[in-house]
Amino acid sequence: MFLHAYMVTPVFTISDYAKAIDFYINWLGFRIDWEEVRDKKPVYVQVSRREVILHLNALPDDVPAGAKARAEMQGLLAFHRQLLSKNLPLHPTLQPAYWSDRVLEMEVTDPFGNRIVFCEFATLPA
């Protein structure tokens, strides 16, 4: 019997909920899907942007920081322009993948050392 994975959801460790919301919601344009609250403080949250879903974990000692996830998407050029237009000190670079000039990549790093590589496969002429 084979296991078929349909979706993998990265869990990123965060140490400051407000910074995480500023980065993921205000800058990257994700939305909050749901939150787990303990002692009137959010400790675990799911955020999404179209098909990209992430879990942000503020629970101590649960998951080490510094994870990396790849997110395939469409409209990477427009997304890149949108981020640059926000006039923030973060300026992600859009470039071909080192392993294929047919793949564009843009890597962003959150305030906690977690990285997301947004990528789009180029449409080739027929």
PDB file of N, CA and C in Angstrom:
ATOM      1  N   MET A   1       0.836  -1.177   0.000  1.00  0.00           N
ATOM      2  CA  MET A   1       0.000   0.000   0.000  1.00  0.00           C
ATOM      3  C   MET A   1       0.885   1.245   0.000  1.00  0.00           C
ATOM      4  N   PHE A   2       0.583   2.196  -0.882  1.00  0.00           N
ATOM      5  CA  PHE A   2       1.364   3.417  -0.996  1.00  0.00           C
ATOM      6  C   PHE A   2       0.598   4.582  -0.401  1.00  0.00           C
ATOM      7  N   LEU A   3       1.321   5.459   0.233  1.00  0.00           N
ATOM      8  CA  LEU A   3       0.737   6.685   0.778  1.00  0.00           C
ATOM      9  C   LEU A   3       0.804   7.760  -0.291  1.00  0.00           C
ATOM     10  N   HIS A   4      -0.306   8.399  -0.572  1.00  0.00           N
ATOM     11  CA  HIS A   4      -0.353   9.478  -1.549  1.00  0.00           C
ATOM     12  C   HIS A   4      -0.547  10.788  -0.799  1.00  0.00           C
ATOM     13  N   ALA A   5       0.460  11.647  -0.822  1.00  0.00           N
ATOM     14  CA  ALA A   5       0.354  12.948  -0.159  1.00  0.00           C
ATOM     15  C   ALA A   5      -0.268  13.936  -1.131  1.00  0.00           C
ATOM     16  N   TYR A   6      -1.330  14.588  -0.710  1.00  0.00           N
ATOM     17  CA  TYR A   6      -2.000  15.567  -1.551  1.00  0.00           C
ATOM     18  C   TYR A   6      -1.594  16.989  -1.192  1.00  0.00           C
ATOM     19  N   MET A   7      -1.185  17.197   0.050  1.00  0.00           N
ATOM     20  CA  MET A   7      -0.794  18.515   0.468  1.00  0.00           C
ATOM     21  C   MET A   7       0.171  18.389   1.643  1.00  0.00           C
ATOM     22  N   VAL A   8       1.187  19.195   1.641  1.00  0.00           N
ATOM     23  CA  VAL A   8       2.112  19.273   2.760  1.00  0.00           C
ATOM     24  C   VAL A   8       2.021  20.694   3.301  1.00  0.00           C
ATOM     25  N   THR A   9       1.854  20.843   4.599  1.00  0.00           N
ATOM     26  CA  THR A   9       1.745  22.161   5.207  1.00  0.00           C
ATOM     27  C   THR A   9       2.949  22.403   6.106  1.00  0.00           C
ATOM     28  N   PRO A  10       3.832  23.327   5.723  1.00  0.00           N
ATOM     29  CA  PRO A  10       4.973  23.646   6.586  1.00  0.00           C
ATOM     30  C   PRO A  10       4.509  24.310   7.880  1.00  0.00           C
ATOM     31  N   VAL A  11       5.220  24.017   8.960  1.00  0.00           N
ATOM     32  CA  VAL A  11       4.979  24.654  10.249  1.00  0.00           C
ATOM     33  C   VAL A  11       6.212  25.482  10.568  1.00  0.00           C
ATOM     34  N   PHE A  12       6.029  26.806  10.634  1.00  0.00           N
ATOM     35  CA  PHE A  12       7.126  27.726  10.930  1.00  0.00           C
ATOM     36  C   PHE A  12       7.011  28.187  12.376  1.00  0.00           C
ATOM     37  N   THR A  13       8.128  28.179  13.085  1.00  0.00           N
ATOM     38  CA  THR A  13       8.165  28.690  14.441  1.00  0.00           C
ATOM     39  C   THR A  13       8.256  30.206  14.403  1.00  0.00           C
ATOM     40  N   ILE A  14       7.459  30.859  15.252  1.00  0.00           N
ATOM     41  CA  ILE A  14       7.505  32.313  15.398  1.00  0.00           C
ATOM     42  C   ILE A  14       7.674  32.632  16.881  1.00  0.00           C
ATOM     43  N   SER A  15       8.317  33.724  17.183  1.00  0.00           N
ATOM     44  CA  SER A  15       8.483  34.105  18.585  1.00  0.00           C
ATOM     45  C   SER A  15       7.740  35.389  18.922  1.00  0.00           C
ATOM     46  N   ASP A  16       7.211  36.070  17.914  1.00  0.00           N
ATOM     47  CA  ASP A  16       6.493  37.328  18.137  1.00  0.00           C
ATOM     48  C   ASP A  16       5.293  37.359  17.194  1.00  0.00           C
ATOM     49  N   TYR A  17       4.104  37.184  17.775  1.00  0.00           N
ATOM     50  CA  TYR A  17       2.886  37.098  16.972  1.00  0.00           C
ATOM     51  C   TYR A  17       2.671  38.364  16.146  1.00  0.00           C
ATOM     52  N   ALA A  18       2.851  39.534  16.739  1.00  0.00           N
ATOM     53  CA  ALA A  18       2.624  40.805  16.031  1.00  0.00           C
ATOM     54  C   ALA A  18       3.565  40.942  14.830  1.00  0.00           C
ATOM     55  N   LYS A  19       4.829  40.573  14.993  1.00  0.00           N
ATOM     56  CA  LYS A  19       5.784  40.620  13.870  1.00  0.00           C
ATOM     57  C   LYS A  19       5.385  39.647  12.776  1.00  0.00           C
ATOM     58  N   ALA A  20       4.919  38.474  13.182  1.00  0.00           N
ATOM     59  CA  ALA A  20       4.497  37.470  12.199  1.00  0.00           C
ATOM     60  C   ALA A  20       3.306  37.977  11.397  1.00  0.00           C
ATOM     61  N   ILE A  21       2.339  38.569  12.067  1.00  0.00           N
ATOM     62  CA  ILE A  21       1.162  39.099  11.372  1.00  0.00           C
ATOM     63  C   ILE A  21       1.569  40.229  10.432  1.00  0.00           C
ATOM     64  N   ASP A  22       2.455  41.101  10.887  1.00  0.00           N
ATOM     65  CA  ASP A  22       2.921  42.191  10.032  1.00  0.00           C
ATOM     66  C   ASP A  22       3.587  41.641   8.771  1.00  0.00           C
ATOM     67  N   PHE A  23       4.429  40.625   8.910  1.00  0.00           N
ATOM     68  CA  PHE A  23       5.145  40.045   7.774  1.00  0.00           C
ATOM     69  C   PHE A  23       4.214  39.277   6.844  1.00  0.00           C
ATOM     70  N   TYR A  24       3.469  38.326   7.381  1.00  0.00           N
ATOM     71  CA  TYR A  24       2.664  37.437   6.542  1.00  0.00           C
ATOM     72  C   TYR A  24       1.369  38.082   6.040  1.00  0.00           C
ATOM     73  N   ILE A  25       0.694  38.843   6.866  1.00  0.00           N
ATOM     74  CA  ILE A  25      -0.595  39.426   6.481  1.00  0.00           C
ATOM     75  C   ILE A  25      -0.388  40.772   5.790  1.00  0.00           C
ATOM     76  N   ASN A  26       0.289  41.684   6.470  1.00  0.00           N
ATOM     77  CA  ASN A  26       0.423  43.048   5.950  1.00  0.00           C
ATOM     78  C   ASN A  26       1.381  43.153   4.771  1.00  0.00           C
ATOM     79  N   TRP A  27       2.496  42.393   4.786  1.00  0.00           N
ATOM     80  CA  TRP A  27       3.456  42.517   3.687  1.00  0.00           C
ATOM     81  C   TRP A  27       3.207  41.500   2.582  1.00  0.00           C
ATOM     82  N   LEU A  28       3.131  40.210   2.913  1.00  0.00           N
ATOM     83  CA  LEU A  28       2.975  39.183   1.883  1.00  0.00           C
ATOM     84  C   LEU A  28       1.535  39.023   1.390  1.00  0.00           C
ATOM     85  N   GLY A  29       0.574  39.529   2.126  1.00  0.00           N
ATOM     86  CA  GLY A  29      -0.812  39.454   1.671  1.00  0.00           C
ATOM     87  C   GLY A  29      -1.514  38.134   1.959  1.00  0.00           C
ATOM     88  N   PHE A  30      -1.021  37.369   2.923  1.00  0.00           N
ATOM     89  CA  PHE A  30      -1.720  36.164   3.363  1.00  0.00           C
ATOM     90  C   PHE A  30      -2.945  36.597   4.168  1.00  0.00           C
ATOM     91  N   ARG A  31      -3.818  35.648   4.459  1.00  0.00           N
ATOM     92  CA  ARG A  31      -4.960  35.921   5.335  1.00  0.00           C
ATOM     93  C   ARG A  31      -4.953  34.893   6.456  1.00  0.00           C
ATOM     94  N   ILE A  32      -5.556  35.239   7.570  1.00  0.00           N
ATOM     95  CA  ILE A  32      -5.671  34.314   8.700  1.00  0.00           C
ATOM     96  C   ILE A  32      -6.890  33.433   8.468  1.00  0.00           C
ATOM     97  N   ASP A  33      -6.674  32.115   8.451  1.00  0.00           N
ATOM     98  CA  ASP A  33      -7.774  31.162   8.294  1.00  0.00           C
ATOM     99  C   ASP A  33      -8.374  30.783   9.646  1.00  0.00           C
ATOM    100  N   TRP A  34      -7.503  30.530  10.622  1.00  0.00           N
ATOM    101  CA  TRP A  34      -7.950  30.195  11.966  1.00  0.00           C
ATOM    102  C   TRP A  34      -6.784  30.361  12.929  1.00  0.00           C
ATOM    103  N   GLU A  35      -7.125  30.488  14.213  1.00  0.00           N
ATOM    104  CA  GLU A  35      -6.112  30.636  15.261  1.00  0.00           C
ATOM    105  C   GLU A  35      -6.462  29.741  16.451  1.00  0.00           C
ATOM    106  N   GLU A  36      -5.426  29.245  17.108  1.00  0.00           N
ATOM    107  CA  GLU A  36      -5.592  28.591  18.406  1.00  0.00           C
ATOM    108  C   GLU A  36      -5.147  29.601  19.454  1.00  0.00           C
ATOM    109  N   VAL A  37      -5.998  29.829  20.443  1.00  0.00           N
ATOM    110  CA  VAL A  37      -5.723  30.820  21.478  1.00  0.00           C
ATOM    111  C   VAL A  37      -5.629  30.121  22.829  1.00  0.00           C
ATOM    112  N   ARG A  38      -4.579  30.451  23.577  1.00  0.00           N
ATOM    113  CA  ARG A  38      -4.416  29.949  24.947  1.00  0.00           C
ATOM    114  C   ARG A  38      -4.118  31.136  25.846  1.00  0.00           C
ATOM    115  N   ASP A  39      -4.760  31.201  26.966  1.00  0.00           N
ATOM    116  CA  ASP A  39      -4.578  32.321  27.900  1.00  0.00           C
ATOM    117  C   ASP A  39      -4.725  33.664  27.197  1.00  0.00           C
ATOM    118  N   LYS A  40      -5.716  33.748  26.319  1.00  0.00           N
ATOM    119  CA  LYS A  40      -6.053  34.966  25.574  1.00  0.00           C
ATOM    120  C   LYS A  40      -4.954  35.433  24.622  1.00  0.00           C
ATOM    121  N   LYS A  41      -4.036  34.517  24.273  1.00  0.00           N
ATOM    122  CA  LYS A  41      -2.976  34.844  23.321  1.00  0.00           C
ATOM    123  C   LYS A  41      -2.972  33.812  22.194  1.00  0.00           C
ATOM    124  N   PRO A  42      -2.902  34.277  20.924  1.00  0.00           N
ATOM    125  CA  PRO A  42      -2.783  33.316  19.818  1.00  0.00           C
ATOM    126  C   PRO A  42      -1.440  32.592  19.907  1.00  0.00           C
ATOM    127  N   VAL A  43      -1.476  31.267  19.808  1.00  0.00           N
ATOM    128  CA  VAL A  43      -0.247  30.485  19.879  1.00  0.00           C
ATOM    129  C   VAL A  43      -0.003  29.652  18.623  1.00  0.00           C
ATOM    130  N   TYR A  44      -1.022  29.516  17.799  1.00  0.00           N
ATOM    131  CA  TYR A  44      -0.895  28.708  16.584  1.00  0.00           C
ATOM    132  C   TYR A  44      -1.891  29.269  15.586  1.00  0.00           C
ATOM    133  N   VAL A  45      -1.461  29.515  14.368  1.00  0.00           N
ATOM    134  CA  VAL A  45      -2.341  30.152  13.390  1.00  0.00           C
ATOM    135  C   VAL A  45      -2.089  29.559  12.010  1.00  0.00           C
ATOM    136  N   GLN A  46      -3.150  29.399  11.257  1.00  0.00           N
ATOM    137  CA  GLN A  46      -3.011  29.010   9.849  1.00  0.00           C
ATOM    138  C   GLN A  46      -3.232  30.246   9.005  1.00  0.00           C
ATOM    139  N   VAL A  47      -2.282  30.501   8.086  1.00  0.00           N
ATOM    140  CA  VAL A  47      -2.413  31.600   7.138  1.00  0.00           C
ATOM    141  C   VAL A  47      -2.368  31.018   5.730  1.00  0.00           C
ATOM    142  N   SER A  48      -2.992  31.722   4.790  1.00  0.00           N
ATOM    143  CA  SER A  48      -2.976  31.227   3.412  1.00  0.00           C
ATOM    144  C   SER A  48      -2.990  32.390   2.439  1.00  0.00           C
ATOM    145  N   ARG A  49      -2.472  32.108   1.265  1.00  0.00           N
ATOM    146  CA  ARG A  49      -2.523  33.008   0.119  1.00  0.00           C
ATOM    147  C   ARG A  49      -2.767  32.100  -1.078  1.00  0.00           C
ATOM    148  N   ARG A  50      -3.980  32.134  -1.586  1.00  0.00           N
ATOM    149  CA  ARG A  50      -4.431  31.218  -2.641  1.00  0.00           C
ATOM    150  C   ARG A  50      -4.172  29.786  -2.200  1.00  0.00           C
ATOM    151  N   GLU A  51      -3.356  29.039  -2.938  1.00  0.00           N
ATOM    152  CA  GLU A  51      -3.125  27.624  -2.617  1.00  0.00           C
ATOM    153  C   GLU A  51      -2.032  27.410  -1.581  1.00  0.00           C
ATOM    154  N   VAL A  52      -1.299  28.448  -1.200  1.00  0.00           N
ATOM    155  CA  VAL A  52      -0.194  28.312  -0.256  1.00  0.00           C
ATOM    156  C   VAL A  52      -0.733  28.416   1.164  1.00  0.00           C
ATOM    157  N   ILE A  53      -0.525  27.368   1.948  1.00  0.00           N
ATOM    158  CA  ILE A  53      -0.997  27.320   3.328  1.00  0.00           C
ATOM    159  C   ILE A  53       0.198  27.087   4.242  1.00  0.00           C
ATOM    160  N   LEU A  54       0.288  27.893   5.295  1.00  0.00           N
ATOM    161  CA  LEU A  54       1.356  27.769   6.288  1.00  0.00           C
ATOM    162  C   LEU A  54       0.745  27.741   7.682  1.00  0.00           C
ATOM    163  N   HIS A  55       1.404  27.040   8.589  1.00  0.00           N
ATOM    164  CA  HIS A  55       1.049  27.094  10.000  1.00  0.00           C
ATOM    165  C   HIS A  55       2.168  27.844  10.716  1.00  0.00           C
ATOM    166  N   LEU A  56       1.795  28.804  11.555  1.00  0.00           N
ATOM    167  CA  LEU A  56       2.750  29.589  12.334  1.00  0.00           C
ATOM    168  C   LEU A  56       2.581  29.200  13.795  1.00  0.00           C
ATOM    169  N   ASN A  57       3.663  28.757  14.411  1.00  0.00           N
ATOM    170  CA  ASN A  57       3.617  28.152  15.734  1.00  0.00           C
ATOM    171  C   ASN A  57       4.394  28.994  16.739  1.00  0.00           C
ATOM    172  N   ALA A  58       3.700  29.517  17.751  1.00  0.00           N
ATOM    173  CA  ALA A  58       4.344  30.276  18.816  1.00  0.00           C
ATOM    174  C   ALA A  58       4.484  29.451  20.094  1.00  0.00           C
ATOM    175  N   LEU A  59       4.197  28.164  20.018  1.00  0.00           N
ATOM    176  CA  LEU A  59       4.334  27.297  21.189  1.00  0.00           C
ATOM    177  C   LEU A  59       5.816  27.011  21.429  1.00  0.00           C
ATOM    178  N   PRO A  60       6.312  27.270  22.627  1.00  0.00           N
ATOM    179  CA  PRO A  60       7.746  27.073  22.881  1.00  0.00           C
ATOM    180  C   PRO A  60       8.144  25.607  22.777  1.00  0.00           C
ATOM    181  N   ASP A  61       9.345  25.396  22.268  1.00  0.00           N
ATOM    182  CA  ASP A  61       9.958  24.056  22.203  1.00  0.00           C
ATOM    183  C   ASP A  61       9.200  23.052  21.353  1.00  0.00           C
ATOM    184  N   ASP A  62       8.365  23.513  20.441  1.00  0.00           N
ATOM    185  CA  ASP A  62       7.597  22.576  19.622  1.00  0.00           C
ATOM    186  C   ASP A  62       8.314  22.271  18.311  1.00  0.00           C
ATOM    187  N   VAL A  63       8.761  23.299  17.614  1.00  0.00           N
ATOM    188  CA  VAL A  63       9.412  23.134  16.320  1.00  0.00           C
ATOM    189  C   VAL A  63      10.583  24.118  16.251  1.00  0.00           C
ATOM    190  N   PRO A  64      11.772  23.681  15.854  1.00  0.00           N
ATOM    191  CA  PRO A  64      12.877  24.631  15.756  1.00  0.00           C
ATOM    192  C   PRO A  64      12.658  25.631  14.623  1.00  0.00           C
ATOM    193  N   ALA A  65      13.166  26.843  14.807  1.00  0.00           N
ATOM    194  CA  ALA A  65      13.061  27.882  13.773  1.00  0.00           C
ATOM    195  C   ALA A  65      14.051  27.589  12.646  1.00  0.00           C
ATOM    196  N   GLY A  66      13.869  28.267  11.533  1.00  0.00           N
ATOM    197  CA  GLY A  66      14.798  28.160  10.427  1.00  0.00           C
ATOM    198  C   GLY A  66      14.387  27.172   9.355  1.00  0.00           C
ATOM    199  N   ALA A  67      13.100  26.963   9.166  1.00  0.00           N
ATOM    200  CA  ALA A  67      12.609  26.044   8.138  1.00  0.00           C
ATOM    201  C   ALA A  67      12.617  26.722   6.769  1.00  0.00           C
ATOM    202  N   LYS A  68      12.471  25.920   5.724  1.00  0.00           N
ATOM    203  CA  LYS A  68      12.393  26.436   4.353  1.00  0.00           C
ATOM    204  C   LYS A  68      11.307  25.663   3.623  1.00  0.00           C
ATOM    205  N   ALA A  69      10.469  26.399   2.888  1.00  0.00           N
ATOM    206  CA  ALA A  69       9.399  25.772   2.115  1.00  0.00           C
ATOM    207  C   ALA A  69       9.397  26.346   0.709  1.00  0.00           C
ATOM    208  N   ARG A  70       8.988  25.534  -0.262  1.00  0.00           N
ATOM    209  CA  ARG A  70       8.829  25.984  -1.647  1.00  0.00           C
ATOM    210  C   ARG A  70       7.342  26.060  -1.943  1.00  0.00           C
ATOM    211  N   ALA A  71       6.942  27.131  -2.622  1.00  0.00           N
ATOM    212  CA  ALA A  71       5.538  27.327  -2.962  1.00  0.00           C
ATOM    213  C   ALA A  71       5.429  27.617  -4.452  1.00  0.00           C
ATOM    214  N   GLU A  72       4.883  26.663  -5.210  1.00  0.00           N
ATOM    215  CA  GLU A  72       4.651  26.881  -6.634  1.00  0.00           C
ATOM    216  C   GLU A  72       3.403  27.739  -6.781  1.00  0.00           C
ATOM    217  N   MET A  73       3.461  28.698  -7.690  1.00  0.00           N
ATOM    218  CA  MET A  73       2.330  29.599  -7.861  1.00  0.00           C
ATOM    219  C   MET A  73       2.284  30.129  -9.284  1.00  0.00           C
ATOM    220  N   GLN A  74       1.194  30.786  -9.611  1.00  0.00           N
ATOM    221  CA  GLN A  74       1.062  31.509 -10.872  1.00  0.00           C
ATOM    222  C   GLN A  74       0.995  32.986 -10.540  1.00  0.00           C
ATOM    223  N   GLY A  75       1.505  33.827 -11.427  1.00  0.00           N
ATOM    224  CA  GLY A  75       1.464  35.265 -11.214  1.00  0.00           C
ATOM    225  C   GLY A  75       2.605  35.777 -10.356  1.00  0.00           C
ATOM    226  N   LEU A  76       3.758  35.108 -10.409  1.00  0.00           N
ATOM    227  CA  LEU A  76       4.890  35.495  -9.578  1.00  0.00           C
ATOM    228  C   LEU A  76       5.397  36.900  -9.914  1.00  0.00           C
ATOM    229  N   LEU A  77       5.429  37.266 -11.183  1.00  0.00           N
ATOM    230  CA  LEU A  77       5.885  38.614 -11.555  1.00  0.00           C
ATOM    231  C   LEU A  77       5.009  39.686 -10.926  1.00  0.00           C
ATOM    232  N   ALA A  78       3.714  39.516 -10.982  1.00  0.00           N
ATOM    233  CA  ALA A  78       2.787  40.491 -10.390  1.00  0.00           C
ATOM    234  C   ALA A  78       2.940  40.531  -8.875  1.00  0.00           C
ATOM    235  N   PHE A  79       3.104  39.375  -8.257  1.00  0.00           N
ATOM    236  CA  PHE A  79       3.297  39.306  -6.808  1.00  0.00           C
ATOM    237  C   PHE A  79       4.575  40.039  -6.419  1.00  0.00           C
ATOM    238  N   HIS A  80       5.650  39.829  -7.166  1.00  0.00           N
ATOM    239  CA  HIS A  80       6.929  40.497  -6.913  1.00  0.00           C
ATOM    240  C   HIS A  80       6.761  42.015  -7.006  1.00  0.00           C
ATOM    241  N   ARG A  81       6.108  42.494  -8.061  1.00  0.00           N
ATOM    242  CA  ARG A  81       5.870  43.938  -8.220  1.00  0.00           C
ATOM    243  C   ARG A  81       5.043  44.480  -7.053  1.00  0.00           C
ATOM    244  N   GLN A  82       4.045  43.715  -6.626  1.00  0.00           N
ATOM    245  CA  GLN A  82       3.202  44.133  -5.504  1.00  0.00           C
ATOM    246  C   GLN A  82       4.033  44.311  -4.238  1.00  0.00           C
ATOM    247  N   LEU A  83       4.928  43.374  -3.955  1.00  0.00           N
ATOM    248  CA  LEU A  83       5.765  43.477  -2.753  1.00  0.00           C
ATOM    249  C   LEU A  83       6.704  44.673  -2.839  1.00  0.00           C
ATOM    250  N   LEU A  84       7.307  44.908  -4.007  1.00  0.00           N
ATOM    251  CA  LEU A  84       8.228  46.037  -4.161  1.00  0.00           C
ATOM    252  C   LEU A  84       7.504  47.373  -4.034  1.00  0.00           C
ATOM    253  N   SER A  85       6.243  47.431  -4.417  1.00  0.00           N
ATOM    254  CA  SER A  85       5.491  48.682  -4.369  1.00  0.00           C
ATOM    255  C   SER A  85       5.150  49.118  -2.944  1.00  0.00           C
ATOM    256  N   LYS A  86       5.362  48.258  -1.974  1.00  0.00           N
ATOM    257  CA  LYS A  86       5.001  48.585  -0.590  1.00  0.00           C
ATOM    258  C   LYS A  86       6.032  49.481   0.092  1.00  0.00           C
ATOM    259  N   ASN A  87       7.112  49.817  -0.585  1.00  0.00           N
ATOM    260  CA  ASN A  87       8.137  50.734  -0.066  1.00  0.00           C
ATOM    261  C   ASN A  87       8.620  50.351   1.335  1.00  0.00           C
ATOM    262  N   LEU A  88       8.914  49.093   1.520  1.00  0.00           N
ATOM    263  CA  LEU A  88       9.466  48.606   2.778  1.00  0.00           C
ATOM    264  C   LEU A  88      10.935  48.255   2.559  1.00  0.00           C
ATOM    265  N   PRO A  89      11.698  48.098   3.631  1.00  0.00           N
ATOM    266  CA  PRO A  89      13.120  47.786   3.453  1.00  0.00           C
ATOM    267  C   PRO A  89      13.383  46.391   2.892  1.00  0.00           C
ATOM    268  N   LEU A  90      12.358  45.553   2.765  1.00  0.00           N
ATOM    269  CA  LEU A  90      12.521  44.213   2.209  1.00  0.00           C
ATOM    270  C   LEU A  90      12.390  44.280   0.692  1.00  0.00           C
ATOM    271  N   HIS A  91      13.398  43.825  -0.029  1.00  0.00           N
ATOM    272  CA  HIS A  91      13.395  43.872  -1.495  1.00  0.00           C
ATOM    273  C   HIS A  91      13.767  42.501  -2.053  1.00  0.00           C
ATOM    274  N   PRO A  92      12.799  41.595  -2.150  1.00  0.00           N
ATOM    275  CA  PRO A  92      13.133  40.258  -2.659  1.00  0.00           C
ATOM    276  C   PRO A  92      13.542  40.317  -4.126  1.00  0.00           C
ATOM    277  N   THR A  93      14.436  39.432  -4.485  1.00  0.00           N
ATOM    278  CA  THR A  93      14.947  39.344  -5.851  1.00  0.00           C
ATOM    279  C   THR A  93      14.209  38.245  -6.599  1.00  0.00           C
ATOM    280  N   LEU A  94      13.834  38.556  -7.816  1.00  0.00           N
ATOM    281  CA  LEU A  94      13.212  37.576  -8.705  1.00  0.00           C
ATOM    282  C   LEU A  94      14.280  37.149  -9.690  1.00  0.00           C
ATOM    283  N   GLN A  95      14.541  35.847  -9.773  1.00  0.00           N
ATOM    284  CA  GLN A  95      15.612  35.367 -10.646  1.00  0.00           C
ATOM    285  C   GLN A  95      15.343  33.943 -11.102  1.00  0.00           C
ATOM    286  N   PRO A  96      15.994  33.544 -12.199  1.00  0.00           N
ATOM    287  CA  PRO A  96      15.854  32.149 -12.625  1.00  0.00           C
ATOM    288  C   PRO A  96      16.459  31.215 -11.573  1.00  0.00           C
ATOM    289  N   ALA A  97      15.880  30.047 -11.433  1.00  0.00           N
ATOM    290  CA  ALA A  97      16.427  29.050 -10.513  1.00  0.00           C
ATOM    291  C   ALA A  97      17.813  28.650 -10.991  1.00  0.00           C
ATOM    292  N   TYR A  98      18.702  28.371 -10.062  1.00  0.00           N
ATOM    293  CA  TYR A  98      20.061  27.988 -10.447  1.00  0.00           C
ATOM    294  C   TYR A  98      20.073  26.691 -11.246  1.00  0.00           C
ATOM    295  N   TRP A  99      19.033  25.868 -11.093  1.00  0.00           N
ATOM    296  CA  TRP A  99      18.996  24.558 -11.734  1.00  0.00           C
ATOM    297  C   TRP A  99      18.185  24.545 -13.021  1.00  0.00           C
ATOM    298  N   SER A 100      17.466  25.665 -13.338  1.00  0.00           N
ATOM    299  CA  SER A 100      16.723  25.728 -14.590  1.00  0.00           C
ATOM    300  C   SER A 100      16.348  27.170 -14.898  1.00  0.00           C
ATOM    301  N   ASP A 101      16.672  27.625 -16.098  1.00  0.00           N
ATOM    302  CA  ASP A 101      16.293  28.988 -16.486  1.00  0.00           C
ATOM    303  C   ASP A 101      14.812  29.060 -16.867  1.00  0.00           C
ATOM    304  N   ARG A 102      14.100  27.943 -16.802  1.00  0.00           N
ATOM    305  CA  ARG A 102      12.660  27.908 -17.081  1.00  0.00           C
ATOM    306  C   ARG A 102      11.824  28.088 -15.812  1.00  0.00           C
ATOM    307  N   VAL A 103      12.486  28.263 -14.684  1.00  0.00           N
ATOM    308  CA  VAL A 103      11.797  28.432 -13.403  1.00  0.00           C
ATOM    309  C   VAL A 103      12.235  29.757 -12.789  1.00  0.00           C
ATOM    310  N   LEU A 104      11.265  30.616 -12.457  1.00  0.00           N
ATOM    311  CA  LEU A 104      11.553  31.854 -11.737  1.00  0.00           C
ATOM    312  C   LEU A 104      11.358  31.612 -10.250  1.00  0.00           C
ATOM    313  N   GLU A 105      12.220  32.210  -9.439  1.00  0.00           N
ATOM    314  CA  GLU A 105      12.125  32.051  -7.993  1.00  0.00           C
ATOM    315  C   GLU A 105      12.261  33.400  -7.296  1.00  0.00           C
ATOM    316  N   MET A 106      11.596  33.514  -6.161  1.00  0.00           N
ATOM    317  CA  MET A 106      11.724  34.673  -5.284  1.00  0.00           C
ATOM    318  C   MET A 106      11.722  34.140  -3.862  1.00  0.00           C
ATOM    319  N   GLU A 107      12.815  34.357  -3.143  1.00  0.00           N
ATOM    320  CA  GLU A 107      12.916  33.863  -1.775  1.00  0.00           C
ATOM    321  C   GLU A 107      12.719  35.013  -0.796  1.00  0.00           C
ATOM    322  N   VAL A 108      11.887  34.775   0.222  1.00  0.00           N
ATOM    323  CA  VAL A 108      11.697  35.749   1.296  1.00  0.00           C
ATOM    324  C   VAL A 108      11.993  35.053   2.620  1.00  0.00           C
ATOM    325  N   THR A 109      12.503  35.831   3.567  1.00  0.00           N
ATOM    326  CA  THR A 109      12.815  35.310   4.897  1.00  0.00           C
ATOM    327  C   THR A 109      12.014  36.094   5.920  1.00  0.00           C
ATOM    328  N   ASP A 110      11.314  35.378   6.787  1.00  0.00           N
ATOM    329  CA  ASP A 110      10.510  36.061   7.804  1.00  0.00           C
ATOM    330  C   ASP A 110      11.409  36.523   8.953  1.00  0.00           C
ATOM    331  N   PRO A 111      10.869  37.285   9.901  1.00  0.00           N
ATOM    332  CA  PRO A 111      11.695  37.804  11.002  1.00  0.00           C
ATOM    333  C   PRO A 111      12.263  36.732  11.932  1.00  0.00           C
ATOM    334  N   PHE A 112      11.891  35.469  11.726  1.00  0.00           N
ATOM    335  CA  PHE A 112      12.315  34.391  12.614  1.00  0.00           C
ATOM    336  C   PHE A 112      13.285  33.423  11.944  1.00  0.00           C
ATOM    337  N   GLY A 113      13.706  33.728  10.707  1.00  0.00           N
ATOM    338  CA  GLY A 113      14.662  32.883   9.993  1.00  0.00           C
ATOM    339  C   GLY A 113      14.037  31.824   9.111  1.00  0.00           C
ATOM    340  N   ASN A 114      12.714  31.791   9.010  1.00  0.00           N
ATOM    341  CA  ASN A 114      12.040  30.846   8.117  1.00  0.00           C
ATOM    342  C   ASN A 114      12.036  31.418   6.707  1.00  0.00           C
ATOM    343  N   ARG A 115      12.242  30.564   5.707  1.00  0.00           N
ATOM    344  CA  ARG A 115      12.312  31.029   4.319  1.00  0.00           C
ATOM    345  C   ARG A 115      11.226  30.375   3.470  1.00  0.00           C
ATOM    346  N   ILE A 116      10.668  31.178   2.556  1.00  0.00           N
ATOM    347  CA  ILE A 116       9.728  30.662   1.560  1.00  0.00           C
ATOM    348  C   ILE A 116      10.289  31.009   0.195  1.00  0.00           C
ATOM    349  N   VAL A 117      10.385  30.005  -0.666  1.00  0.00           N
ATOM    350  CA  VAL A 117      10.788  30.222  -2.044  1.00  0.00           C
ATOM    351  C   VAL A 117       9.524  30.104  -2.898  1.00  0.00           C
ATOM    352  N   PHE A 118       9.037  31.242  -3.380  1.00  0.00           N
ATOM    353  CA  PHE A 118       7.898  31.246  -4.307  1.00  0.00           C
ATOM    354  C   PHE A 118       8.472  30.976  -5.683  1.00  0.00           C
ATOM    355  N   CYS A 119       7.886  30.075  -6.447  1.00  0.00           N
ATOM    356  CA  CYS A 119       8.434  29.746  -7.759  1.00  0.00           C
ATOM    357  C   CYS A 119       7.318  29.568  -8.782  1.00  0.00           C
ATOM    358  N   GLU A 120       7.678  29.828 -10.027  1.00  0.00           N
ATOM    359  CA  GLU A 120       6.729  29.665 -11.130  1.00  0.00           C
ATOM    360  C   GLU A 120       7.473  29.071 -12.306  1.00  0.00           C
ATOM    361  N   PHE A 121       6.894  28.032 -12.900  1.00  0.00           N
ATOM    362  CA  PHE A 121       7.462  27.420 -14.081  1.00  0.00           C
ATOM    363  C   PHE A 121       7.034  28.233 -15.286  1.00  0.00           C
ATOM    364  N   ALA A 122       7.995  28.613 -16.117  1.00  0.00           N
ATOM    365  CA  ALA A 122       7.714  29.439 -17.279  1.00  0.00           C
ATOM    366  C   ALA A 122       6.925  28.648 -18.317  1.00  0.00           C
ATOM    367  N   THR A 123       6.008  29.340 -18.984  1.00  0.00           N
ATOM    368  CA  THR A 123       5.270  28.742 -20.080  1.00  0.00           C
ATOM    369  C   THR A 123       6.138  28.818 -21.316  1.00  0.00           C
ATOM    370  N   LEU A 124       6.367  27.691 -21.929  1.00  0.00           N
ATOM    371  CA  LEU A 124       7.224  27.637 -23.101  1.00  0.00           C
ATOM    372  C   LEU A 124       6.404  27.751 -24.379  1.00  0.00           C
ATOM    373  N   PRO A 125       6.954  28.414 -25.401  1.00  0.00           N
ATOM    374  CA  PRO A 125       6.226  28.514 -26.671  1.00  0.00           C
ATOM    375  C   PRO A 125       6.030  27.131 -27.296  1.00  0.00           C
ATOM    376  N   ALA A 126       4.914  26.968 -28.001  1.00  0.00           N
ATOM    377  CA  ALA A 126       4.612  25.681 -28.639  1.00  0.00           C
ATOM    378  C   ALA A 126       5.480  25.441 -29.849  1.00  0.00           C
TER     379      ALA A 126
END
